[in-house]
Protein backbone atom coordinates (compact mmCIF):
# COMPACT_ATOMS: atom_id res chain seq x y z
CA MET A 1 19.46 -16.71 6.20
CA GLN A 2 15.65 -16.65 6.12
CA ASP A 3 14.18 -15.62 2.76
CA THR A 4 12.34 -12.35 3.38
CA ILE A 5 10.09 -10.02 1.38
CA GLY A 6 10.41 -6.31 2.17
CA VAL A 7 7.18 -4.29 2.32
CA LEU A 8 7.88 -0.58 1.76
CA ASP A 9 5.42 1.53 3.72
CA PHE A 10 4.14 4.56 1.80
CA GLY A 11 1.47 5.24 4.41
CA GLY A 12 -1.22 2.92 3.10
CA GLN A 13 -3.94 1.55 5.36
CA TYR A 14 -3.23 -1.99 4.16
CA THR A 15 0.56 -2.09 4.66
CA HIS A 16 0.43 -4.41 7.67
CA LEU A 17 -2.13 -6.57 5.90
CA ILE A 18 0.26 -7.02 2.96
CA ALA A 19 2.96 -8.22 5.35
CA ASN A 20 0.49 -10.56 7.02
CA ARG A 21 -0.62 -12.06 3.73
CA ILE A 22 2.98 -12.83 2.72
CA ARG A 23 3.58 -14.58 6.07
CA ARG A 24 0.45 -16.65 5.51
CA LEU A 25 2.22 -17.94 2.42
CA ARG A 26 4.99 -19.19 4.77
CA VAL A 27 7.46 -16.50 3.73
CA TYR A 28 8.71 -13.98 6.27
CA SER A 29 8.05 -10.32 5.51
CA GLU A 30 9.27 -7.13 7.10
CA ILE A 31 7.90 -3.59 6.87
CA VAL A 32 10.59 -1.02 6.13
CA SER A 33 10.86 2.64 5.20
CA PRO A 34 10.86 3.46 1.47
CA ASP A 35 14.03 5.53 1.92
CA SER A 36 16.03 2.62 3.34
CA ASP A 37 19.51 2.46 1.83
CA SER A 38 20.28 0.10 -1.03
CA ASP A 39 22.38 -2.28 1.08
CA ARG A 40 19.43 -2.76 3.43
CA LEU A 41 17.00 -3.35 0.56
CA ARG A 42 19.32 -5.89 -1.06
CA THR A 43 18.90 -8.16 1.97
CA PHE A 44 15.39 -8.97 0.71
CA LYS A 45 14.43 -11.47 -1.98
CA GLY A 46 11.84 -9.04 -3.34
CA LEU A 47 10.04 -5.78 -2.55
CA ILE A 48 6.38 -4.81 -2.40
CA LEU A 49 5.54 -1.10 -2.57
CA SER A 50 2.39 -0.37 -0.59
CA GLY A 51 -0.42 1.95 -1.49
CA GLY A 52 -0.81 5.29 0.23
CA PRO A 53 -2.86 8.48 0.38
CA SER A 54 -0.35 10.60 -1.53
CA SER A 55 -0.14 11.44 -5.21
CA VAL A 56 3.13 11.16 -7.10
CA TYR A 57 2.61 14.85 -7.89
CA ASP A 58 2.44 15.96 -4.25
CA ALA A 59 5.28 18.21 -3.15
CA ASP A 60 5.39 16.34 0.15
CA GLN A 61 5.16 12.83 -1.27
CA PRO A 62 6.95 10.19 0.86
CA SER A 63 10.70 10.08 0.36
CA PHE A 64 12.12 6.94 -1.20
CA ASN A 65 15.37 5.41 -2.35
CA PRO A 66 15.93 6.66 -5.95
CA ASN A 67 17.61 3.34 -6.82
CA LEU A 68 14.51 1.38 -5.84
CA PHE A 69 13.97 -0.11 -9.29
CA ASP A 70 17.63 -0.80 -10.05
CA LEU A 71 18.36 -3.43 -7.40
CA SER A 72 18.05 -6.47 -9.71
CA MET A 73 15.25 -8.08 -7.71
CA PRO A 74 11.49 -8.55 -8.20
CA VAL A 75 9.41 -5.50 -7.27
CA LEU A 76 5.63 -5.32 -7.02
CA GLY A 77 3.98 -1.89 -6.85
CA LEU A 78 0.43 -1.68 -5.48
CA CYS A 79 -1.80 1.36 -6.09
CA TYR A 80 0.51 4.28 -5.14
CA GLY A 81 3.47 1.95 -5.64
CA HIS A 82 2.11 1.20 -9.12
CA HIS A 83 1.99 4.94 -9.88
CA LEU A 84 5.48 5.54 -8.53
CA MET A 85 6.90 2.72 -10.62
CA ALA A 86 5.25 4.06 -13.76
CA GLN A 87 6.34 7.65 -13.22
CA ARG A 88 9.94 6.89 -12.24
CA LEU A 89 10.52 4.55 -15.17
CA GLY A 90 9.19 6.83 -17.92
CA GLY A 91 5.45 6.20 -17.95
CA GLU A 92 2.67 8.71 -17.39
CA VAL A 93 0.38 9.12 -14.37
CA ARG A 94 -2.71 11.33 -14.55
CA PRO A 95 -5.31 12.47 -12.03
CA GLY A 96 -8.59 10.61 -12.44
CA ARG A 97 -11.80 12.51 -13.12
CA THR A 98 -13.29 10.82 -10.07
CA LYS A 99 -11.83 8.71 -7.30
CA GLU A 100 -12.60 5.03 -7.65
CA TYR A 101 -13.47 3.00 -4.56
CA GLY A 102 -15.00 -0.45 -4.77
CA THR A 103 -14.93 -3.62 -6.81
CA ALA A 104 -14.16 -3.74 -10.51
CA GLN A 105 -13.75 -6.43 -13.15
CA LEU A 106 -10.18 -6.93 -14.27
CA GLU A 107 -10.00 -8.12 -17.87
CA ILE A 108 -6.75 -10.04 -18.15
CA ARG A 109 -4.83 -9.73 -21.39
CA GLU A 110 -1.84 -11.89 -20.49
CA LYS A 111 -1.93 -14.62 -17.84
CA THR A 112 1.75 -14.32 -17.00
CA GLY A 113 3.83 -13.17 -14.06
CA ILE A 114 1.60 -11.93 -11.24
CA LEU A 115 -1.55 -12.93 -13.17
CA GLU A 116 -0.53 -16.49 -14.02
CA GLY A 117 -3.20 -19.11 -13.44
CA LEU A 118 -6.14 -16.69 -13.26
CA GLU A 119 -9.37 -16.55 -15.26
CA ASP A 120 -10.02 -14.20 -18.18
CA SER A 121 -11.89 -11.87 -15.82
CA GLU A 122 -11.35 -11.44 -12.08
CA THR A 123 -12.99 -9.26 -9.41
CA VAL A 124 -10.55 -6.79 -7.81
CA TRP A 125 -10.73 -4.02 -5.22
CA MET A 126 -9.94 -0.46 -6.34
CA SER A 127 -9.14 2.55 -4.15
CA HIS A 128 -7.42 5.35 -6.05
CA GLY A 129 -7.57 8.84 -7.53
CA ASP A 130 -4.67 8.93 -9.99
CA TYR A 131 -4.17 6.30 -12.69
CA VAL A 132 -1.42 5.14 -15.05
CA ALA A 133 -2.19 6.52 -18.50
CA GLN A 134 0.93 5.19 -20.22
CA ALA A 135 3.12 2.28 -19.20
CA PRO A 136 6.90 2.79 -19.04
CA PRO A 137 9.13 1.53 -21.86
CA GLY A 138 9.63 -2.23 -21.63
CA PHE A 139 6.35 -2.81 -19.79
CA ARG A 140 3.41 -4.76 -21.16
CA VAL A 141 -0.17 -3.98 -20.17
CA THR A 142 -1.49 -7.26 -18.75
CA GLY A 143 -4.88 -6.20 -17.38
CA SER A 144 -7.43 -3.40 -17.55
CA THR A 145 -10.85 -2.37 -16.21
CA VAL A 146 -13.57 -0.16 -17.68
CA SER A 147 -12.24 2.93 -15.92
CA CYS A 148 -8.55 2.00 -15.68
CA PRO A 149 -6.80 1.13 -18.95
CA ILE A 150 -3.58 0.00 -17.22
CA ALA A 151 -4.75 -1.83 -14.12
CA ALA A 152 -1.90 -4.34 -14.36
CA MET A 153 1.46 -4.08 -16.06
CA GLY A 154 4.77 -5.91 -16.02
CA ASP A 155 8.30 -5.98 -17.33
CA PRO A 156 9.33 -9.66 -17.00
CA GLU A 157 12.89 -8.93 -18.13
CA ARG A 158 13.45 -6.79 -15.03
CA ASN A 159 10.90 -8.59 -12.84
CA LEU A 160 8.97 -5.36 -12.21
CA TYR A 161 5.20 -5.49 -11.82
CA GLY A 162 2.45 -2.99 -10.99
CA LEU A 163 -1.17 -3.42 -9.95
CA GLN A 164 -3.64 -0.56 -9.62
CA PHE A 165 -5.81 -2.62 -7.28
CA HIS A 166 -5.28 -4.28 -3.88
CA PRO A 167 -4.64 -8.05 -4.01
CA GLU A 168 -4.14 -8.18 -0.23
CA VAL A 169 -7.80 -7.56 0.67
CA THR A 170 -10.52 -10.23 0.69
CA HIS A 171 -12.55 -8.17 -1.80
CA THR A 172 -10.02 -9.38 -4.41
CA PRO A 173 -10.92 -13.10 -4.29
CA LYS A 174 -7.83 -14.30 -6.21
CA GLY A 175 -5.51 -11.82 -4.49
CA MET A 176 -3.64 -14.49 -2.56
CA ARG A 177 -2.89 -16.31 -5.80
CA MET A 178 -1.40 -13.09 -7.18
CA LEU A 179 0.79 -12.65 -4.09
CA GLU A 180 1.76 -16.30 -4.27
CA ASN A 181 2.85 -15.75 -7.86
CA PHE A 182 5.06 -12.88 -6.68
CA VAL A 183 6.60 -15.03 -3.95
CA THR A 184 7.39 -17.63 -6.63
CA LEU A 185 8.97 -14.98 -8.87
CA CYS A 186 11.17 -13.99 -5.92
CA GLY A 187 12.41 -17.57 -5.57
CA CYS A 188 11.52 -17.70 -1.87
CA GLU A 189 11.54 -20.95 0.09
CA ARG A 190 8.16 -21.24 1.78
CA ASN A 191 9.29 -22.64 5.13
CA TRP A 192 8.59 -19.80 7.58
CA THR A 193 6.31 -20.47 10.55
CA MET A 194 5.52 -18.54 13.70
CA GLY A 195 7.02 -21.37 15.76
CA ASN A 196 10.42 -21.41 14.08
CA TYR A 197 10.47 -17.60 14.07
CA ILE A 198 10.07 -17.47 17.86
CA GLU A 199 12.68 -20.17 18.40
CA SER A 200 15.26 -18.54 16.11
CA SER A 201 14.64 -15.16 17.79
CA LEU A 202 15.12 -16.67 21.25
CA GLN A 203 18.33 -18.41 20.17
CA ALA A 204 19.69 -15.17 18.72
CA ILE A 205 19.08 -13.44 22.07
CA ARG A 206 20.73 -16.30 23.99
CA ASP A 207 23.77 -16.17 21.70
CA ARG A 208 24.08 -12.43 22.20
CA MET A 209 23.46 -12.25 25.96
CA GLY A 210 25.54 -15.23 27.08
CA ASP A 211 25.00 -16.26 30.72
CA ARG A 212 22.91 -13.29 31.72
CA ASN A 213 19.21 -13.53 32.55
CA VAL A 214 17.15 -11.31 30.29
CA PHE A 215 13.66 -9.89 30.60
CA LEU A 216 12.05 -8.93 27.30
CA SER A 217 10.17 -5.70 27.87
CA ARG A 218 8.88 -5.63 24.28
CA ILE A 219 8.21 -8.29 21.68
CA PHE A 220 7.72 -7.68 18.01
CA CYS A 221 4.68 -9.52 16.71
CA PRO A 222 5.21 -10.71 13.12
CA HIS A 223 1.45 -11.08 12.64
CA SER A 224 0.46 -7.50 13.41
CA GLY A 225 3.76 -5.69 12.86
CA ALA A 226 3.35 -4.19 16.33
CA TRP A 227 5.30 -4.35 19.59
CA CYS A 228 3.74 -6.40 22.38
CA ILE A 229 4.33 -6.11 26.13
CA PRO A 230 4.92 -9.39 27.98
CA LYS A 231 3.57 -9.88 31.49
CA ARG A 232 4.60 -11.93 34.51
CA ASN A 233 2.32 -13.89 36.80
CA ALA A 234 1.93 -12.19 40.17
CA GLY A 235 4.54 -13.41 42.66
CA SER A 236 6.37 -15.50 40.08
CA SER A 237 9.56 -15.10 38.10
CA GLU A 238 8.00 -17.06 35.24
CA PRO A 239 6.26 -15.25 32.40
CA SER A 240 2.60 -15.49 31.62
CA SER A 241 1.29 -15.26 28.09
CA SER A 242 1.06 -11.85 26.50
CA ARG A 243 -1.44 -10.79 23.87
CA CYS A 244 -0.89 -8.34 21.03
CA GLY A 245 -3.41 -6.49 18.91
CA THR A 246 -4.11 -9.49 16.69
CA GLY A 247 -5.50 -11.52 19.57
CA ARG A 248 -2.60 -13.96 19.20
CA TRP A 249 -0.69 -14.98 22.29
CA SER A 250 3.03 -15.14 22.85
CA SER A 251 4.77 -16.91 25.73
CA LEU A 252 7.96 -14.85 25.70
CA GLY A 253 8.99 -13.06 28.86
CA TRP A 254 11.94 -14.19 30.97
CA ILE A 255 14.54 -16.21 29.10
CA ARG A 256 17.80 -17.72 30.31
CA SER A 257 20.81 -18.53 28.23
CA ASN A 258 20.59 -22.21 29.22
CA GLY A 259 17.32 -22.41 27.28
CA SER A 260 14.94 -22.49 30.24
């Protein structure tokens, strides 16, 4: 079974970008609802909790699986996910005096876990209103900024990590290294490619459909997280390429169980 990272969507604008970044590290990722049941979440090697516009104090905050942090797997909370992790596990989250949006300098206290291999100070991208004022029991504060005393925290015993900032955006220059560190903590084999994903998906359809001819009316694009519509060349039973919102092309359309 393909090693996969689950990205829990709390409504953040960067959720699909997180999934894309993990795939660029040659690990498959899948966006799922935060209230997915525990059996579904256990199919992943690790979980990333996205940011989002809500506050953990909102009455209508997104619903989530209450056992999220008890699944014995690595979890990385980003921005809102960082707040949720802190609040649920006994820390304290407070509203900020002002909302922070822009770059900041992360002063790293411990170069371990998510922050392994980084410099003493790194540029990161902030976008938040609330902040973690007290880390939960068992967590160590591993990084801070001038306006955010707990910008990074971790509990290595439980493999739980939180970042106030967004490592997935290019404004955090070492963000990919941080995500790569998380992939390593998850123990994922980095062997996923778009090519083998398409082939394995086609074979799964052939195995399921047997001798029947099948026309795929929708294709899920693992780059954008969106559904794409394949097209046929006029007057032909053969498919033409189909483009999704990323500008990438897919050649899926008609498939036959004999592999043609």
